[in-house]
Protein backbone atom coordinates (compact mmCIF):
# COMPACT_ATOMS: atom_id res chain seq x y z
CA UNK A 1 33.99 74.90 -3.31
CA UNK A 2 32.45 75.01 0.15
CA UNK A 3 33.27 72.21 2.50
CA UNK A 4 30.54 70.07 3.70
CA UNK A 5 29.69 70.55 7.74
CA UNK A 6 30.52 67.25 9.70
CA UNK A 7 27.77 65.82 12.02
CA UNK A 8 29.09 63.86 15.15
CA UNK A 9 26.77 61.66 17.18
CA UNK A 10 26.14 62.12 20.84
CA UNK A 11 28.14 59.34 21.99
CA UNK A 12 31.04 60.91 19.68
CA UNK A 13 30.30 64.50 21.48
CA UNK A 14 30.15 62.92 25.07
CA UNK A 15 33.35 60.97 24.96
CA UNK A 16 35.38 63.85 23.67
CA UNK A 17 33.78 65.91 26.29
CA UNK A 18 34.16 63.27 29.18
CA UNK A 19 38.06 62.68 27.75
CA UNK A 20 38.68 66.99 28.29
CA UNK A 21 37.00 66.88 31.93
CA UNK A 22 39.37 64.13 32.73
CA UNK A 23 42.28 66.61 31.84
CA UNK A 24 44.55 63.77 31.23
CA UNK A 25 45.72 65.32 27.88
CA UNK A 26 45.39 69.02 26.89
CA UNK A 27 42.36 70.19 24.63
CA UNK A 28 44.68 70.24 21.73
CA UNK A 29 45.76 66.84 22.02
CA UNK A 30 42.26 65.55 22.18
CA UNK A 31 41.26 67.85 19.09
CA UNK A 32 43.98 66.66 16.86
CA UNK A 33 43.45 63.10 17.88
CA UNK A 34 39.91 63.39 16.83
CA UNK A 35 40.42 65.66 13.67
CA UNK A 36 38.32 68.43 15.45
CA UNK A 37 38.57 72.40 16.42
CA UNK A 38 39.53 72.74 19.87
CA UNK A 39 36.87 74.84 20.23
CA UNK A 40 34.61 72.50 19.54
CA UNK A 41 36.21 70.33 22.05
CA UNK A 42 35.67 73.45 24.86
CA UNK A 43 32.21 74.14 23.76
CA UNK A 44 31.26 69.91 24.09
CA UNK A 45 33.39 70.35 27.93
CA UNK A 46 31.53 73.53 29.05
CA UNK A 47 27.89 71.48 27.93
CA UNK A 48 28.70 68.74 29.94
CA UNK A 49 29.73 70.68 32.89
CA UNK A 50 26.60 72.67 32.85
CA UNK A 51 24.03 70.22 31.62
CA UNK A 52 25.57 67.23 33.45
CA UNK A 53 22.29 66.51 35.35
CA UNK A 54 20.25 66.02 32.14
CA UNK A 55 23.01 64.09 30.10
CA UNK A 56 22.48 60.99 31.43
CA UNK A 57 18.94 60.57 30.28
CA UNK A 58 15.31 61.52 28.59
CA UNK A 59 13.63 60.55 32.07
CA UNK A 60 15.51 63.17 33.64
CA UNK A 61 14.79 65.91 31.16
CA UNK A 62 11.23 65.12 30.55
CA UNK A 63 10.85 65.13 34.37
CA UNK A 64 12.26 68.86 34.59
CA UNK A 65 10.18 69.93 31.55
CA UNK A 66 6.75 68.31 32.95
CA UNK A 67 7.97 69.83 36.41
CA UNK A 68 8.05 73.28 35.04
CA UNK A 69 4.89 73.00 33.18
CA UNK A 70 3.43 71.68 36.42
CA UNK A 71 4.85 74.83 38.48
CA UNK A 72 3.45 77.50 35.49
CA UNK A 73 0.14 75.80 35.94
CA UNK A 74 -0.10 75.76 39.70
CA UNK A 75 1.14 79.87 39.39
CA UNK A 76 -1.83 80.55 36.97
CA UNK A 77 -4.00 78.85 39.57
CA UNK A 78 -2.97 80.82 42.44
CA UNK A 79 -3.14 84.05 40.20
CA UNK A 80 -6.83 83.05 39.86
CA UNK A 81 -7.62 82.05 43.31
CA UNK A 82 -6.33 85.34 44.52
CA UNK A 83 -8.84 87.20 42.17
CA UNK A 84 -11.64 85.40 43.36
CA UNK A 85 -10.62 86.27 46.71
CA UNK A 86 -9.76 90.04 45.94
CA UNK A 87 -13.82 90.00 44.44
CA UNK A 88 -15.26 88.05 47.13
CA UNK A 89 -13.85 90.33 49.63
CA UNK A 90 -15.29 93.41 47.55
CA UNK A 91 -18.53 91.63 47.43
CA UNK A 92 -18.60 90.84 51.11
CA UNK A 93 -18.01 94.56 52.18
CA UNK A 94 -20.63 95.78 50.04
CA UNK A 95 -23.23 93.59 51.46
CA UNK A 96 -22.43 94.47 55.23
């Protein structure tokens, strides 16, 4: 019979990853103490180190998402304006 997968909440993952980052005890000790696989501890640690700036709240993640959407919109507008400028230059030379 297959085992049912365990789901851990974000607080638990953060606590374990923080313990691993502190490096006061080994990853294997952390894993055995919390009854999880050492690879999982390493994965959570890497995620904390890579995404550390967005871990501390939804506000930061939302701001980054809004900023990337705004950038995309601005690049689209730049493209449109370049096209209009080229069209106007072409028309201006044909009038002269």
